Amino acid sequence: MTLTKTATCAITGETLPQNSMIRFVITPDYHVVADLTGKLPGNFLWVSAQRSILKKALWRNCFTSHARQAVKVPENMLETIESGLKKLAIQTLSMSKRAGELVFGFTKTDEALRSLETGVYVVASDSSENGREKLERLATHQNIPVIDCWTSAELSAAIGEVNANHIALKKGALAQNFLELITKLNSVRSEK
């Protein structure tokens, strides 16, 4: 049994898992920073990663009441959060390759999906429909999440290979971390 850390959202008052929230830190010079890795020291608060709730937090400037003093919030905070989550997810792919928990290429990904050891299937958004459709169908049949947030060039740069269109991450902590980041990213992007 795995225990999930929880926190209370500063806007809704709900107690939620921290992996579905964004941690904000108020720096000593009273600037607000989105702490996406959860490691920055200082006065912090948690806000649900839903776009509408994040907008409400920024609009209300709940950080000022938490700090009990005026604080400076960057105007592009939502864009910063979105790009930061994308960057962390792509770094997780890179770490997975170094850890030997990632295979790429159509044939190796196909084999990995059939072996039932795959936790996530990542496909380039600009990959050919023929191969993509076959592997997506295989992944969906086995309830493996399919992620298509990046182009082939972006995926290739992330894992240091050429023409990376199909990637399979083995089940494990890195795949779980990657999925949590993608879920949070999708939540931040969605207007629901």
N, C-alpha and C. Protein backbone atom coordinates (compact mmCIF):
# COMPACT_ATOMS: atom_id res chain seq x y z
N MET A 1 0.84 -1.18 0.00
CA MET A 1 0.00 0.00 0.00
C MET A 1 0.88 1.24 0.00
N THR A 2 0.59 2.17 -0.89
CA THR A 2 1.36 3.40 -0.99
C THR A 2 0.55 4.54 -0.41
N LEU A 3 1.16 5.28 0.48
CA LEU A 3 0.50 6.44 1.05
C LEU A 3 0.79 7.66 0.19
N THR A 4 -0.25 8.42 -0.11
CA THR A 4 -0.09 9.61 -0.94
C THR A 4 -0.10 10.84 -0.04
N LYS A 5 0.88 11.70 -0.24
CA LYS A 5 0.92 12.94 0.53
C LYS A 5 -0.21 13.85 0.06
N THR A 6 -0.86 14.51 1.01
CA THR A 6 -1.96 15.41 0.68
C THR A 6 -1.66 16.81 1.19
N ALA A 7 -2.42 17.76 0.67
CA ALA A 7 -2.32 19.15 1.12
C ALA A 7 -3.69 19.79 0.91
N THR A 8 -3.90 20.93 1.53
CA THR A 8 -5.16 21.64 1.40
C THR A 8 -5.00 22.76 0.38
N CYS A 9 -5.92 22.79 -0.58
CA CYS A 9 -5.90 23.83 -1.60
C CYS A 9 -6.25 25.17 -0.97
N ALA A 10 -5.45 26.19 -1.24
CA ALA A 10 -5.66 27.52 -0.66
C ALA A 10 -6.92 28.19 -1.19
N ILE A 11 -7.46 27.73 -2.30
CA ILE A 11 -8.65 28.34 -2.90
C ILE A 11 -9.92 27.57 -2.54
N THR A 12 -9.92 26.26 -2.76
CA THR A 12 -11.14 25.47 -2.55
C THR A 12 -11.28 24.94 -1.13
N GLY A 13 -10.16 24.83 -0.41
CA GLY A 13 -10.19 24.26 0.93
C GLY A 13 -10.24 22.74 0.94
N GLU A 14 -10.19 22.14 -0.25
CA GLU A 14 -10.22 20.68 -0.37
C GLU A 14 -8.85 20.09 -0.04
N THR A 15 -8.86 18.91 0.57
CA THR A 15 -7.63 18.17 0.79
C THR A 15 -7.45 17.24 -0.40
N LEU A 16 -6.36 17.44 -1.11
CA LEU A 16 -6.09 16.71 -2.36
C LEU A 16 -4.69 16.10 -2.33
N PRO A 17 -4.44 15.09 -3.17
CA PRO A 17 -3.07 14.57 -3.29
C PRO A 17 -2.15 15.67 -3.84
N GLN A 18 -0.96 15.76 -3.28
CA GLN A 18 -0.02 16.80 -3.73
C GLN A 18 0.36 16.63 -5.20
N ASN A 19 0.30 15.41 -5.73
CA ASN A 19 0.67 15.23 -7.13
C ASN A 19 -0.40 15.76 -8.09
N SER A 20 -1.50 16.27 -7.58
CA SER A 20 -2.50 16.92 -8.42
C SER A 20 -2.61 18.41 -8.10
N MET A 21 -1.55 18.94 -7.47
CA MET A 21 -1.54 20.34 -7.05
C MET A 21 -0.25 21.02 -7.48
N ILE A 22 -0.28 22.35 -7.43
CA ILE A 22 0.92 23.14 -7.70
C ILE A 22 1.33 23.81 -6.39
N ARG A 23 2.60 23.71 -6.08
CA ARG A 23 3.14 24.34 -4.86
C ARG A 23 3.71 25.69 -5.24
N PHE A 24 3.27 26.73 -4.53
CA PHE A 24 3.79 28.07 -4.75
C PHE A 24 4.60 28.49 -3.54
N VAL A 25 5.75 29.10 -3.79
CA VAL A 25 6.63 29.57 -2.71
C VAL A 25 6.72 31.09 -2.79
N ILE A 26 6.64 31.71 -1.62
CA ILE A 26 6.83 33.16 -1.53
C ILE A 26 8.26 33.38 -1.07
N THR A 27 9.04 34.01 -1.94
CA THR A 27 10.47 34.21 -1.66
C THR A 27 10.67 35.27 -0.59
N PRO A 28 11.86 35.35 -0.01
CA PRO A 28 12.12 36.38 1.02
C PRO A 28 11.90 37.81 0.52
N ASP A 29 12.04 38.04 -0.81
CA ASP A 29 11.79 39.38 -1.34
C ASP A 29 10.35 39.51 -1.87
N TYR A 30 9.46 38.61 -1.40
CA TYR A 30 8.01 38.65 -1.67
C TYR A 30 7.64 38.54 -3.15
N HIS A 31 8.28 37.62 -3.84
CA HIS A 31 7.89 37.24 -5.19
C HIS A 31 7.27 35.84 -5.10
N VAL A 32 6.32 35.55 -5.95
CA VAL A 32 5.69 34.24 -5.97
C VAL A 32 6.33 33.41 -7.08
N VAL A 33 6.72 32.18 -6.72
CA VAL A 33 7.35 31.27 -7.66
C VAL A 33 6.59 29.94 -7.64
N ALA A 34 6.30 29.41 -8.81
CA ALA A 34 5.69 28.08 -8.88
C ALA A 34 6.80 27.05 -8.69
N ASP A 35 6.73 26.31 -7.59
CA ASP A 35 7.75 25.32 -7.24
C ASP A 35 7.30 23.96 -7.75
N LEU A 36 7.59 23.66 -9.00
CA LEU A 36 7.09 22.45 -9.64
C LEU A 36 7.77 21.18 -9.16
N THR A 37 8.96 21.31 -8.57
CA THR A 37 9.65 20.14 -8.04
C THR A 37 9.38 19.94 -6.56
N GLY A 38 8.79 20.94 -5.91
CA GLY A 38 8.44 20.84 -4.50
C GLY A 38 9.62 20.85 -3.56
N LYS A 39 10.70 21.51 -3.96
CA LYS A 39 11.92 21.48 -3.15
C LYS A 39 12.39 22.84 -2.66
N LEU A 40 11.78 23.93 -3.14
CA LEU A 40 12.24 25.25 -2.74
C LEU A 40 11.89 25.54 -1.29
N PRO A 41 12.81 26.17 -0.55
CA PRO A 41 12.49 26.52 0.84
C PRO A 41 11.65 27.80 0.87
N GLY A 42 11.04 28.04 2.00
CA GLY A 42 10.31 29.29 2.19
C GLY A 42 8.85 29.06 2.50
N ASN A 43 8.12 30.16 2.60
CA ASN A 43 6.70 30.16 2.89
C ASN A 43 5.96 29.66 1.65
N PHE A 44 5.15 28.62 1.80
CA PHE A 44 4.51 28.05 0.61
C PHE A 44 3.03 27.78 0.85
N LEU A 45 2.31 27.59 -0.26
CA LEU A 45 0.93 27.16 -0.22
C LEU A 45 0.65 26.31 -1.44
N TRP A 46 -0.41 25.52 -1.35
CA TRP A 46 -0.77 24.60 -2.42
C TRP A 46 -2.06 25.06 -3.09
N VAL A 47 -2.12 24.91 -4.40
CA VAL A 47 -3.33 25.22 -5.16
C VAL A 47 -3.57 24.07 -6.13
N SER A 48 -4.82 23.67 -6.26
CA SER A 48 -5.18 22.61 -7.20
C SER A 48 -4.65 22.96 -8.59
N ALA A 49 -4.21 21.95 -9.33
CA ALA A 49 -3.62 22.19 -10.65
C ALA A 49 -4.65 22.44 -11.74
N GLN A 50 -5.91 22.60 -11.40
CA GLN A 50 -6.93 22.90 -12.41
C GLN A 50 -6.81 24.35 -12.86
N ARG A 51 -6.87 24.56 -14.16
CA ARG A 51 -6.68 25.89 -14.73
C ARG A 51 -7.62 26.93 -14.13
N SER A 52 -8.90 26.60 -13.98
CA SER A 52 -9.87 27.56 -13.45
C SER A 52 -9.52 27.96 -12.02
N ILE A 53 -9.05 27.01 -11.23
CA ILE A 53 -8.69 27.31 -9.84
C ILE A 53 -7.39 28.11 -9.78
N LEU A 54 -6.44 27.79 -10.65
CA LEU A 54 -5.21 28.57 -10.71
C LEU A 54 -5.50 30.02 -11.12
N LYS A 55 -6.40 30.18 -12.10
CA LYS A 55 -6.78 31.54 -12.52
C LYS A 55 -7.41 32.31 -11.37
N LYS A 56 -8.25 31.62 -10.60
CA LYS A 56 -8.90 32.24 -9.45
C LYS A 56 -7.86 32.65 -8.41
N ALA A 57 -6.87 31.79 -8.17
CA ALA A 57 -5.81 32.09 -7.21
C ALA A 57 -5.03 33.33 -7.63
N LEU A 58 -4.73 33.41 -8.93
CA LEU A 58 -3.98 34.57 -9.45
C LEU A 58 -4.85 35.82 -9.42
N TRP A 59 -6.13 35.69 -9.78
CA TRP A 59 -7.03 36.83 -9.81
C TRP A 59 -7.26 37.37 -8.40
N ARG A 60 -7.49 36.48 -7.44
CA ARG A 60 -7.70 36.89 -6.05
C ARG A 60 -6.41 37.30 -5.36
N ASN A 61 -5.29 36.87 -5.92
CA ASN A 61 -3.98 37.03 -5.31
C ASN A 61 -3.99 36.50 -3.88
N CYS A 62 -4.35 35.22 -3.76
CA CYS A 62 -4.41 34.58 -2.45
C CYS A 62 -3.04 34.54 -1.77
N PHE A 63 -2.01 34.80 -2.51
CA PHE A 63 -0.65 34.77 -1.98
C PHE A 63 -0.41 35.91 -1.00
N THR A 64 -1.06 37.06 -1.26
CA THR A 64 -0.92 38.23 -0.38
C THR A 64 -1.47 37.92 1.00
N SER A 65 -2.65 37.32 1.07
CA SER A 65 -3.23 37.01 2.37
C SER A 65 -2.41 35.94 3.09
N HIS A 66 -1.84 35.01 2.34
CA HIS A 66 -1.02 33.97 2.94
C HIS A 66 0.28 34.56 3.51
N ALA A 67 0.86 35.50 2.79
CA ALA A 67 2.12 36.11 3.22
C ALA A 67 1.89 37.25 4.22
N ARG A 68 0.64 37.71 4.31
CA ARG A 68 0.27 38.85 5.16
C ARG A 68 1.05 40.10 4.78
N GLN A 69 1.33 40.20 3.50
CA GLN A 69 2.05 41.34 2.95
C GLN A 69 1.89 41.30 1.43
N ALA A 70 2.00 42.43 0.78
CA ALA A 70 1.89 42.48 -0.68
C ALA A 70 3.01 41.65 -1.31
N VAL A 71 2.64 40.85 -2.31
CA VAL A 71 3.61 40.04 -3.02
C VAL A 71 3.51 40.31 -4.51
N LYS A 72 4.56 40.00 -5.23
CA LYS A 72 4.58 40.20 -6.69
C LYS A 72 4.38 38.86 -7.39
N VAL A 73 3.34 38.83 -8.23
CA VAL A 73 3.04 37.62 -9.00
C VAL A 73 3.32 37.91 -10.47
N PRO A 74 4.15 37.10 -11.12
CA PRO A 74 4.43 37.32 -12.55
C PRO A 74 3.14 37.24 -13.38
N GLU A 75 3.03 38.10 -14.38
CA GLU A 75 1.83 38.12 -15.22
C GLU A 75 1.67 36.84 -16.02
N ASN A 76 2.75 36.21 -16.38
CA ASN A 76 2.70 35.00 -17.22
C ASN A 76 2.81 33.73 -16.38
N MET A 77 2.27 33.73 -15.19
CA MET A 77 2.42 32.58 -14.28
C MET A 77 1.86 31.28 -14.88
N LEU A 78 0.69 31.32 -15.49
CA LEU A 78 0.11 30.10 -16.07
C LEU A 78 1.00 29.53 -17.18
N GLU A 79 1.53 30.42 -18.04
CA GLU A 79 2.41 29.96 -19.12
C GLU A 79 3.70 29.38 -18.54
N THR A 80 4.20 29.99 -17.46
CA THR A 80 5.41 29.51 -16.80
C THR A 80 5.19 28.12 -16.23
N ILE A 81 4.03 27.91 -15.61
CA ILE A 81 3.70 26.60 -15.04
C ILE A 81 3.61 25.55 -16.15
N GLU A 82 2.91 25.90 -17.22
CA GLU A 82 2.73 24.97 -18.34
C GLU A 82 4.06 24.57 -18.96
N SER A 83 4.90 25.56 -19.26
CA SER A 83 6.20 25.25 -19.88
C SER A 83 7.11 24.50 -18.90
N GLY A 84 7.01 24.81 -17.62
CA GLY A 84 7.81 24.10 -16.61
C GLY A 84 7.43 22.64 -16.50
N LEU A 85 6.13 22.34 -16.54
CA LEU A 85 5.67 20.96 -16.48
C LEU A 85 6.10 20.18 -17.72
N LYS A 86 6.02 20.83 -18.89
CA LYS A 86 6.47 20.18 -20.13
C LYS A 86 7.96 19.85 -20.05
N LYS A 87 8.73 20.79 -19.52
CA LYS A 87 10.17 20.61 -19.40
C LYS A 87 10.50 19.47 -18.43
N LEU A 88 9.80 19.42 -17.29
CA LEU A 88 10.03 18.34 -16.33
C LEU A 88 9.67 16.98 -16.92
N ALA A 89 8.59 16.92 -17.70
CA ALA A 89 8.18 15.66 -18.32
C ALA A 89 9.23 15.19 -19.33
N ILE A 90 9.73 16.11 -20.13
CA ILE A 90 10.74 15.74 -21.13
C ILE A 90 12.05 15.32 -20.44
N GLN A 91 12.37 15.96 -19.30
CA GLN A 91 13.55 15.55 -18.53
C GLN A 91 13.37 14.14 -17.96
N THR A 92 12.14 13.81 -17.61
CA THR A 92 11.85 12.47 -17.10
C THR A 92 12.07 11.42 -18.19
N LEU A 93 11.72 11.75 -19.43
CA LEU A 93 12.01 10.85 -20.55
C LEU A 93 13.51 10.63 -20.68
N SER A 94 14.26 11.72 -20.57
CA SER A 94 15.71 11.64 -20.67
C SER A 94 16.29 10.76 -19.55
N MET A 95 15.79 10.96 -18.33
CA MET A 95 16.25 10.14 -17.20
C MET A 95 15.90 8.67 -17.40
N SER A 96 14.72 8.42 -17.97
CA SER A 96 14.29 7.04 -18.23
C SER A 96 15.23 6.34 -19.19
N LYS A 97 15.70 7.07 -20.20
CA LYS A 97 16.63 6.48 -21.16
C LYS A 97 17.95 6.14 -20.47
N ARG A 98 18.45 7.09 -19.66
CA ARG A 98 19.71 6.84 -18.95
C ARG A 98 19.58 5.67 -17.97
N ALA A 99 18.37 5.49 -17.41
CA ALA A 99 18.14 4.41 -16.45
C ALA A 99 17.85 3.08 -17.13
N GLY A 100 17.78 3.07 -18.46
CA GLY A 100 17.50 1.85 -19.18
C GLY A 100 16.04 1.42 -19.11
N GLU A 101 15.16 2.35 -18.81
CA GLU A 101 13.73 2.04 -18.69
C GLU A 101 12.93 2.56 -19.87
N LEU A 102 13.59 2.79 -20.99
CA LEU A 102 12.93 3.35 -22.16
C LEU A 102 13.46 2.66 -23.41
N VAL A 103 12.56 2.32 -24.32
CA VAL A 103 12.95 1.83 -25.63
C VAL A 103 12.29 2.72 -26.67
N PHE A 104 12.90 2.80 -27.84
CA PHE A 104 12.35 3.66 -28.89
C PHE A 104 12.48 2.95 -30.22
N GLY A 105 11.77 3.48 -31.20
CA GLY A 105 11.73 2.85 -32.51
C GLY A 105 10.49 1.99 -32.61
N PHE A 106 9.96 1.86 -33.81
CA PHE A 106 8.69 1.15 -34.01
C PHE A 106 8.77 -0.30 -33.54
N THR A 107 9.78 -1.03 -33.98
CA THR A 107 9.87 -2.46 -33.68
C THR A 107 10.06 -2.71 -32.18
N LYS A 108 10.99 -1.98 -31.56
CA LYS A 108 11.25 -2.18 -30.13
C LYS A 108 10.05 -1.75 -29.28
N THR A 109 9.38 -0.68 -29.70
CA THR A 109 8.20 -0.24 -28.96
C THR A 109 7.07 -1.25 -29.10
N ASP A 110 6.92 -1.79 -30.30
CA ASP A 110 5.91 -2.83 -30.53
C ASP A 110 6.17 -4.03 -29.62
N GLU A 111 7.42 -4.48 -29.57
CA GLU A 111 7.79 -5.61 -28.70
C GLU A 111 7.53 -5.28 -27.24
N ALA A 112 7.88 -4.06 -26.83
CA ALA A 112 7.68 -3.66 -25.43
C ALA A 112 6.20 -3.62 -25.07
N LEU A 113 5.37 -3.11 -25.98
CA LEU A 113 3.93 -3.06 -25.72
C LEU A 113 3.35 -4.48 -25.60
N ARG A 114 3.85 -5.41 -26.39
CA ARG A 114 3.35 -6.79 -26.35
C ARG A 114 3.86 -7.55 -25.12
N SER A 115 4.98 -7.10 -24.53
CA SER A 115 5.57 -7.80 -23.39
C SER A 115 4.82 -7.53 -22.09
N LEU A 116 3.89 -6.60 -22.10
CA LEU A 116 3.10 -6.22 -20.92
C LEU A 116 3.93 -5.60 -19.81
N GLU A 117 5.13 -5.11 -20.12
CA GLU A 117 5.97 -4.45 -19.12
C GLU A 117 5.98 -2.93 -19.31
N THR A 118 5.20 -2.45 -20.27
CA THR A 118 5.20 -1.03 -20.59
C THR A 118 4.19 -0.28 -19.73
N GLY A 119 4.62 0.87 -19.22
CA GLY A 119 3.74 1.71 -18.41
C GLY A 119 3.15 2.86 -19.19
N VAL A 120 3.89 3.37 -20.19
CA VAL A 120 3.45 4.51 -20.99
C VAL A 120 3.95 4.37 -22.42
N TYR A 121 3.10 4.72 -23.38
CA TYR A 121 3.50 4.78 -24.78
C TYR A 121 3.50 6.25 -25.20
N VAL A 122 4.64 6.73 -25.66
CA VAL A 122 4.78 8.11 -26.12
C VAL A 122 4.98 8.08 -27.62
N VAL A 123 4.14 8.84 -28.34
CA VAL A 123 4.23 8.89 -29.79
C VAL A 123 4.41 10.34 -30.22
N ALA A 124 5.23 10.56 -31.23
CA ALA A 124 5.43 11.92 -31.74
C ALA A 124 4.14 12.41 -32.39
N SER A 125 3.80 13.66 -32.14
CA SER A 125 2.57 14.22 -32.69
C SER A 125 2.60 14.29 -34.21
N ASP A 126 3.80 14.27 -34.79
CA ASP A 126 3.91 14.35 -36.24
C ASP A 126 4.35 13.01 -36.88
N SER A 127 4.16 11.91 -36.17
CA SER A 127 4.55 10.62 -36.72
C SER A 127 3.52 10.17 -37.76
N SER A 128 3.92 9.22 -38.61
CA SER A 128 3.03 8.75 -39.68
C SER A 128 1.83 8.02 -39.08
N GLU A 129 0.68 8.20 -39.71
CA GLU A 129 -0.57 7.62 -39.22
C GLU A 129 -0.56 6.10 -39.19
N ASN A 130 0.08 5.48 -40.15
CA ASN A 130 0.05 4.02 -40.27
C ASN A 130 0.62 3.33 -39.03
N GLY A 131 1.86 3.64 -38.70
CA GLY A 131 2.51 3.02 -37.54
C GLY A 131 1.89 3.49 -36.24
N ARG A 132 1.55 4.75 -36.19
CA ARG A 132 0.96 5.33 -34.98
C ARG A 132 -0.34 4.63 -34.62
N GLU A 133 -1.18 4.44 -35.64
CA GLU A 133 -2.49 3.83 -35.41
C GLU A 133 -2.35 2.41 -34.87
N LYS A 134 -1.43 1.64 -35.43
CA LYS A 134 -1.23 0.26 -35.01
C LYS A 134 -0.78 0.19 -33.55
N LEU A 135 0.22 1.00 -33.18
CA LEU A 135 0.74 0.96 -31.81
C LEU A 135 -0.25 1.57 -30.82
N GLU A 136 -0.97 2.62 -31.22
CA GLU A 136 -1.99 3.21 -30.33
C GLU A 136 -3.08 2.19 -30.02
N ARG A 137 -3.50 1.46 -31.04
CA ARG A 137 -4.54 0.45 -30.85
C ARG A 137 -4.04 -0.64 -29.87
N LEU A 138 -2.79 -1.06 -30.03
CA LEU A 138 -2.20 -2.06 -29.15
C LEU A 138 -2.13 -1.53 -27.71
N ALA A 139 -1.67 -0.31 -27.54
CA ALA A 139 -1.56 0.30 -26.21
C ALA A 139 -2.94 0.47 -25.56
N THR A 140 -3.89 0.96 -26.32
CA THR A 140 -5.25 1.17 -25.81
C THR A 140 -5.88 -0.15 -25.39
N HIS A 141 -5.65 -1.19 -26.17
CA HIS A 141 -6.18 -2.52 -25.86
C HIS A 141 -5.65 -3.01 -24.51
N GLN A 142 -4.43 -2.63 -24.16
CA GLN A 142 -3.81 -3.07 -22.91
C GLN A 142 -3.91 -2.01 -21.81
N ASN A 143 -4.73 -0.98 -22.02
CA ASN A 143 -4.92 0.10 -21.05
C ASN A 143 -3.62 0.82 -20.70
N ILE A 144 -2.78 1.00 -21.69
CA ILE A 144 -1.53 1.74 -21.51
C ILE A 144 -1.78 3.17 -22.00
N PRO A 145 -1.48 4.17 -21.17
CA PRO A 145 -1.70 5.56 -21.59
C PRO A 145 -0.88 5.92 -22.83
N VAL A 146 -1.50 6.68 -23.73
CA VAL A 146 -0.84 7.14 -24.96
C VAL A 146 -0.65 8.65 -24.84
N ILE A 147 0.58 9.11 -24.96
CA ILE A 147 0.91 10.53 -24.82
C ILE A 147 1.46 11.03 -26.15
N ASP A 148 0.93 12.17 -26.63
CA ASP A 148 1.45 12.76 -27.89
C ASP A 148 1.59 14.27 -27.77
N CYS A 149 2.42 14.70 -26.84
CA CYS A 149 2.61 16.14 -26.56
C CYS A 149 3.75 16.78 -27.36
N TRP A 150 4.64 15.97 -27.95
CA TRP A 150 5.84 16.51 -28.57
C TRP A 150 6.01 16.01 -30.00
N THR A 151 6.76 16.78 -30.77
CA THR A 151 7.09 16.37 -32.14
C THR A 151 8.26 15.37 -32.09
N SER A 152 8.52 14.77 -33.22
CA SER A 152 9.64 13.84 -33.32
C SER A 152 10.97 14.53 -33.00
N ALA A 153 11.13 15.76 -33.46
CA ALA A 153 12.37 16.50 -33.20
C ALA A 153 12.55 16.74 -31.70
N GLU A 154 11.46 17.09 -31.00
CA GLU A 154 11.55 17.33 -29.55
C GLU A 154 11.86 16.05 -28.80
N LEU A 155 11.22 14.96 -29.18
CA LEU A 155 11.50 13.67 -28.53
C LEU A 155 12.92 13.21 -28.81
N SER A 156 13.38 13.40 -30.04
CA SER A 156 14.74 13.01 -30.42
C SER A 156 15.76 13.78 -29.60
N ALA A 157 15.53 15.09 -29.42
CA ALA A 157 16.44 15.91 -28.62
C ALA A 157 16.43 15.46 -27.16
N ALA A 158 15.27 15.08 -26.66
CA ALA A 158 15.15 14.69 -25.25
C ALA A 158 15.93 13.42 -24.94
N ILE A 159 15.87 12.44 -25.84
CA ILE A 159 16.54 11.17 -25.55
C ILE A 159 17.88 11.03 -26.26
N GLY A 160 18.26 12.05 -27.02
CA GLY A 160 19.57 12.03 -27.67
C GLY A 160 19.68 11.02 -28.80
N GLU A 161 18.60 10.82 -29.52
CA GLU A 161 18.59 9.88 -30.65
C GLU A 161 18.01 10.59 -31.87
N VAL A 162 18.11 9.96 -33.01
CA VAL A 162 17.58 10.54 -34.25
C VAL A 162 16.24 9.88 -34.58
N ASN A 163 15.29 10.66 -35.02
CA ASN A 163 14.00 10.17 -35.52
C ASN A 163 13.25 9.32 -34.50
N ALA A 164 13.09 9.86 -33.29
CA ALA A 164 12.34 9.16 -32.23
C ALA A 164 10.85 9.47 -32.38
N ASN A 165 10.11 8.53 -32.95
CA ASN A 165 8.67 8.70 -33.14
C ASN A 165 7.86 7.87 -32.15
N HIS A 166 8.39 6.72 -31.74
CA HIS A 166 7.67 5.81 -30.85
C HIS A 166 8.56 5.47 -29.67
N ILE A 167 8.04 5.68 -28.45
CA ILE A 167 8.80 5.43 -27.23
C ILE A 167 7.92 4.67 -26.25
N ALA A 168 8.50 3.67 -25.60
CA ALA A 168 7.80 2.93 -24.55
C ALA A 168 8.60 3.06 -23.26
N LEU A 169 7.92 3.47 -22.19
CA LEU A 169 8.54 3.53 -20.86
C LEU A 169 8.10 2.31 -20.08
N LYS A 170 9.07 1.63 -19.44
CA LYS A 170 8.74 0.47 -18.62
C LYS A 170 7.95 0.92 -17.40
N LYS A 171 7.13 0.01 -16.88
CA LYS A 171 6.40 0.28 -15.65
C LYS A 171 7.41 0.55 -14.55
N GLY A 172 7.11 1.50 -13.68
CA GLY A 172 8.00 1.82 -12.59
C GLY A 172 7.83 3.26 -12.13
N ALA A 173 8.72 3.68 -11.26
CA ALA A 173 8.62 5.01 -10.65
C ALA A 173 8.75 6.13 -11.68
N LEU A 174 9.67 5.98 -12.64
CA LEU A 174 9.85 7.04 -13.63
C LEU A 174 8.63 7.18 -14.53
N ALA A 175 8.04 6.06 -14.93
CA ALA A 175 6.83 6.09 -15.75
C ALA A 175 5.68 6.72 -14.96
N GLN A 176 5.58 6.39 -13.67
CA GLN A 176 4.54 6.96 -12.82
C GLN A 176 4.73 8.46 -12.66
N ASN A 177 5.96 8.88 -12.44
CA ASN A 177 6.27 10.31 -12.32
C ASN A 177 5.93 11.04 -13.61
N PHE A 178 6.28 10.43 -14.75
CA PHE A 178 5.98 11.02 -16.05
C PHE A 178 4.47 11.18 -16.23
N LEU A 179 3.71 10.16 -15.89
CA LEU A 179 2.25 10.22 -16.01
C LEU A 179 1.65 11.30 -15.11
N GLU A 180 2.17 11.42 -13.90
CA GLU A 180 1.68 12.46 -12.98
C GLU A 180 1.94 13.85 -13.55
N LEU A 181 3.11 14.06 -14.14
CA LEU A 181 3.42 15.35 -14.75
C LEU A 181 2.50 15.64 -15.93
N ILE A 182 2.25 14.63 -16.77
CA ILE A 182 1.38 14.81 -17.93
C ILE A 182 -0.07 15.09 -17.48
N THR A 183 -0.53 14.38 -16.46
CA THR A 183 -1.88 14.60 -15.93
C THR A 183 -2.01 16.02 -15.40
N LYS A 184 -0.98 16.46 -14.67
CA LYS A 184 -0.99 17.82 -14.14
C LYS A 184 -0.95 18.85 -15.28
N LEU A 185 -0.13 18.59 -16.29
CA LEU A 185 -0.03 19.47 -17.45
C LEU A 185 -1.37 19.59 -18.17
N ASN A 186 -2.03 18.47 -18.41
CA ASN A 186 -3.33 18.48 -19.06
C ASN A 186 -4.38 19.23 -18.24
N SER A 187 -4.29 19.09 -16.92
CA SER A 187 -5.22 19.78 -16.03
C SER A 187 -5.00 21.30 -16.08
N VAL A 188 -3.73 21.70 -16.15
CA VAL A 188 -3.39 23.13 -16.21
C VAL A 188 -3.84 23.72 -17.55
N ARG A 189 -3.76 22.93 -18.61
CA ARG A 189 -4.15 23.41 -19.94
C ARG A 189 -5.67 23.47 -20.12
N SER A 190 -6.39 22.58 -19.47
CA SER A 190 -7.83 22.43 -19.68
C SER A 190 -8.63 23.54 -19.01
N GLU A 191 -9.66 24.03 -19.68
CA GLU A 191 -10.52 25.07 -19.12
C GLU A 191 -11.68 24.50 -18.30
N LYS A 192 -11.73 23.17 -18.13
CA LYS A 192 -12.84 22.55 -17.40
C LYS A 192 -12.85 22.95 -15.95
